[in-house]
Every structure is written in structure tokens, then in C-alpha cells.
N, C-alpha and C. Protein backbone atom coordinates (compact mmCIF):
# COMPACT_ATOMS: atom_id res chain seq x y z
N MET A 1 -10.28 34.19 3.88
CA MET A 1 -10.04 34.30 2.30
C MET A 1 -11.04 33.18 1.41
N VAL A 2 -11.35 32.36 1.67
CA VAL A 2 -12.13 31.08 1.13
C VAL A 2 -13.26 31.46 1.47
N GLU A 3 -14.04 32.05 2.58
CA GLU A 3 -15.09 32.74 2.94
C GLU A 3 -15.44 34.24 1.99
N LYS A 4 -14.48 34.38 1.95
CA LYS A 4 -14.96 36.02 0.76
C LYS A 4 -14.97 35.38 -0.97
N VAL A 5 -14.82 34.06 -1.29
CA VAL A 5 -14.61 33.78 -2.52
C VAL A 5 -15.49 32.42 -2.82
N ASN A 6 -16.27 32.60 -1.43
CA ASN A 6 -17.22 31.66 -1.23
C ASN A 6 -17.26 30.13 -1.91
N LEU A 7 -16.12 29.40 -1.25
CA LEU A 7 -15.15 28.04 -1.70
C LEU A 7 -14.98 27.49 -0.52
N SER A 8 -15.56 26.04 -0.30
CA SER A 8 -15.69 25.21 0.27
C SER A 8 -14.15 25.30 1.34
N PRO A 9 -13.92 24.81 2.28
CA PRO A 9 -12.52 24.92 2.93
C PRO A 9 -12.42 23.49 2.76
N ILE A 10 -10.91 23.63 2.80
CA ILE A 10 -10.37 22.30 2.20
C ILE A 10 -8.85 21.99 3.05
N ASN A 11 -8.47 20.79 3.68
CA ASN A 11 -7.56 20.98 4.76
C ASN A 11 -6.32 20.01 3.85
N PRO A 12 -4.74 20.76 4.61
CA PRO A 12 -3.41 20.30 3.57
C PRO A 12 -3.59 18.47 3.42
N HIS A 13 -3.77 18.09 3.66
CA HIS A 13 -4.41 16.33 3.52
C HIS A 13 -5.05 16.31 2.20
N ALA A 14 -6.47 17.21 1.74
CA ALA A 14 -6.69 17.06 0.70
C ALA A 14 -5.99 17.82 -0.49
N LEU A 15 -5.16 18.65 -0.10
CA LEU A 15 -4.47 19.09 -1.16
C LEU A 15 -2.99 18.05 -1.64
N ARG A 16 -2.75 17.71 -0.78
CA ARG A 16 -1.56 16.63 -1.03
C ARG A 16 -1.85 15.59 -2.07
N HIS A 17 -3.84 15.29 -1.29
CA HIS A 17 -3.66 13.61 -1.83
C HIS A 17 -4.20 14.60 -3.48
N THR A 18 -4.85 15.46 -3.69
CA THR A 18 -5.10 15.80 -5.04
C THR A 18 -3.77 16.27 -5.78
N HIS A 19 -2.98 16.54 -5.46
CA HIS A 19 -1.63 17.16 -5.76
C HIS A 19 -0.77 15.47 -6.52
N ALA A 20 -1.41 14.70 -5.61
CA ALA A 20 -0.47 13.06 -6.40
C ALA A 20 -1.14 13.01 -6.60
N VAL A 21 -2.64 12.57 -7.18
CA VAL A 21 -3.62 12.46 -8.27
C VAL A 21 -3.28 13.13 -9.78
N MET A 22 -3.02 14.20 -9.51
CA MET A 22 -2.68 14.86 -10.29
C MET A 22 -1.14 15.11 -11.40
N LEU A 23 -0.15 14.15 -10.28
CA LEU A 23 0.80 14.35 -10.98
C LEU A 23 0.78 12.85 -11.75
N LEU A 24 0.20 12.31 -10.88
CA LEU A 24 -0.27 10.55 -11.89
C LEU A 24 -0.69 10.82 -12.73
N GLU A 25 -1.82 11.53 -13.37
CA GLU A 25 -2.48 11.94 -14.19
C GLU A 25 -1.82 12.67 -15.15
N SER A 26 -0.92 13.41 -14.90
CA SER A 26 -0.35 13.79 -15.81
C SER A 26 1.38 12.63 -16.21
N GLY A 27 0.98 11.84 -16.15
CA GLY A 27 2.48 11.01 -16.38
C GLY A 27 3.60 10.63 -15.63
N VAL A 28 3.39 11.14 -14.68
CA VAL A 28 4.64 11.20 -13.62
C VAL A 28 4.49 9.79 -12.77
N ASP A 29 6.02 9.08 -12.56
CA ASP A 29 5.54 7.83 -12.73
C ASP A 29 5.28 7.49 -11.11
N VAL A 30 4.60 6.39 -10.76
CA VAL A 30 4.39 6.26 -9.52
C VAL A 30 5.33 6.23 -8.39
N LYS A 31 6.45 5.47 -8.58
CA LYS A 31 8.04 6.16 -7.60
C LYS A 31 8.49 7.21 -7.32
N THR A 32 8.09 8.06 -8.11
CA THR A 32 8.90 9.51 -8.42
C THR A 32 7.65 10.03 -7.42
N VAL A 33 6.20 10.08 -7.62
CA VAL A 33 5.62 10.33 -6.76
C VAL A 33 5.35 9.72 -5.19
N GLY A 34 5.63 8.71 -5.23
CA GLY A 34 5.54 8.35 -3.40
C GLY A 34 7.20 8.65 -3.20
N ASP A 35 7.91 8.84 -3.75
CA ASP A 35 9.58 10.07 -3.11
C ASP A 35 8.64 11.15 -2.40
N ARG A 36 8.04 11.94 -3.44
CA ARG A 36 7.73 13.09 -3.24
C ARG A 36 6.91 12.94 -1.82
N LEU A 37 5.99 12.30 -1.79
CA LEU A 37 5.07 11.80 -1.01
C LEU A 37 6.03 11.63 0.57
N GLY A 38 7.28 11.04 0.26
CA GLY A 38 7.82 10.64 1.63
C GLY A 38 7.28 9.18 1.57
N HIS A 39 6.90 8.08 1.15
CA HIS A 39 6.24 7.04 0.80
C HIS A 39 8.03 6.35 0.54
N THR A 40 8.02 5.48 1.16
CA THR A 40 8.97 4.36 1.71
C THR A 40 8.96 3.33 1.00
N LYS A 41 7.89 2.84 0.22
CA LYS A 41 7.21 1.64 -0.22
C LYS A 41 6.69 1.95 -1.52
N ILE A 42 6.55 1.47 -2.85
CA ILE A 42 5.70 1.88 -3.85
C ILE A 42 4.16 1.43 -3.90
N ASN A 43 3.99 0.22 -3.13
CA ASN A 43 2.70 -0.69 -2.93
C ASN A 43 2.15 0.90 -2.32
N MET A 44 2.48 1.52 -1.38
CA MET A 44 1.61 2.50 -0.48
C MET A 44 1.17 3.35 -1.21
N THR A 45 2.10 3.84 -2.21
CA THR A 45 1.40 5.30 -3.31
C THR A 45 0.54 4.47 -4.29
N ALA A 46 0.79 3.71 -4.27
CA ALA A 46 0.37 2.75 -5.61
C ALA A 46 -1.52 1.90 -4.90
N ASP A 47 -1.02 1.67 -3.82
CA ASP A 47 -2.81 1.16 -3.29
C ASP A 47 -3.20 2.77 -2.62
N VAL A 48 -3.06 3.58 -2.03
CA VAL A 48 -3.52 5.12 -2.11
C VAL A 48 -4.17 5.86 -3.41
N TYR A 49 -3.25 5.82 -4.24
CA TYR A 49 -3.59 6.82 -5.12
C TYR A 49 -3.84 6.49 -6.86
N LEU A 50 -3.97 5.25 -6.57
CA LEU A 50 -3.59 4.65 -8.54
C LEU A 50 -5.00 4.47 -8.67
N HIS A 51 -5.81 4.54 -7.90
CA HIS A 51 -7.39 3.29 -7.51
C HIS A 51 -8.19 4.91 -8.05
N VAL A 52 -7.66 5.99 -7.55
CA VAL A 52 -8.45 7.17 -7.49
C VAL A 52 -8.77 7.95 -9.59
N SER A 53 -7.92 7.08 -9.97
CA SER A 53 -7.72 8.06 -11.32
C SER A 53 -8.18 7.02 -12.35
N GLY A 54 -9.30 7.31 -13.00
CA GLY A 54 -9.92 6.49 -14.15
C GLY A 54 -8.82 6.54 -15.29
N LYS A 55 -8.08 7.37 -15.05
CA LYS A 55 -7.32 7.63 -16.40
C LYS A 55 -5.46 6.73 -15.80
N GLN A 56 -5.63 5.85 -14.68
CA GLN A 56 -4.69 4.99 -14.56
C GLN A 56 -5.03 3.70 -14.88
N GLU A 57 -4.30 2.94 -15.32
CA GLU A 57 -4.75 1.73 -15.15
C GLU A 57 -3.29 0.87 -14.63
N GLU A 58 -4.27 0.07 -13.10
CA GLU A 58 -3.77 -0.03 -12.19
C GLU A 58 -2.88 -1.41 -12.79
N GLY A 59 -1.64 -1.44 -12.20
CA GLY A 59 -1.08 -2.69 -12.12
C GLY A 59 0.87 -2.65 -13.01
N ASN A 60 0.48 -0.75 -13.88
CA ASN A 60 1.55 -0.31 -14.15
C ASN A 60 2.88 0.18 -13.13
N TRP A 61 2.61 0.21 -12.52
CA TRP A 61 3.72 0.75 -11.38
C TRP A 61 4.41 -0.59 -11.40
N ARG A 62 4.33 -2.09 -11.16
CA ARG A 62 4.54 -3.23 -10.69
C ARG A 62 5.77 -3.05 -11.94
N ASP A 63 5.56 -2.87 -12.89
CA ASP A 63 6.93 -2.66 -13.90
C ASP A 63 8.00 -1.46 -13.91
N ILE A 64 7.75 -1.26 -12.94
CA ILE A 64 8.80 0.12 -12.68
C ILE A 64 10.30 -1.11 -12.02
């Protein structure tokens, strides 16, 4: 299907990453996103995903 519509292939990890960033950019809190991704520590979510978005202010997750 990807070839039929002339798109670049995307792997499941990239979809997971995109999903997480979109949630954060839409205002979902870091803890909720981390829980959804199965992270046991909020730092993991913050370290991996918060820097990706220019819309996120690093440090907000510490207030949770």
C-alpha cells in the first residue's frame, strides 16, 4: 500500500514516537503519555520525547 500511494515506509517505532509527540503537543501531560507507552519512570518519557517538540517547555514535567 505504501508503494501504491508513493509514501516512504515507516516502522512501528516511528509511529510510536510520532504518537507520543502528538499527545504531548496536544497538551496531554507527560505522566499520562509515559503510562500509555509503558514507561516506569517519568524521566524516561521526558528525556526521550519532550526535547522533540519546540512547543514543549522542558521542565514542566517536574511539576507533576
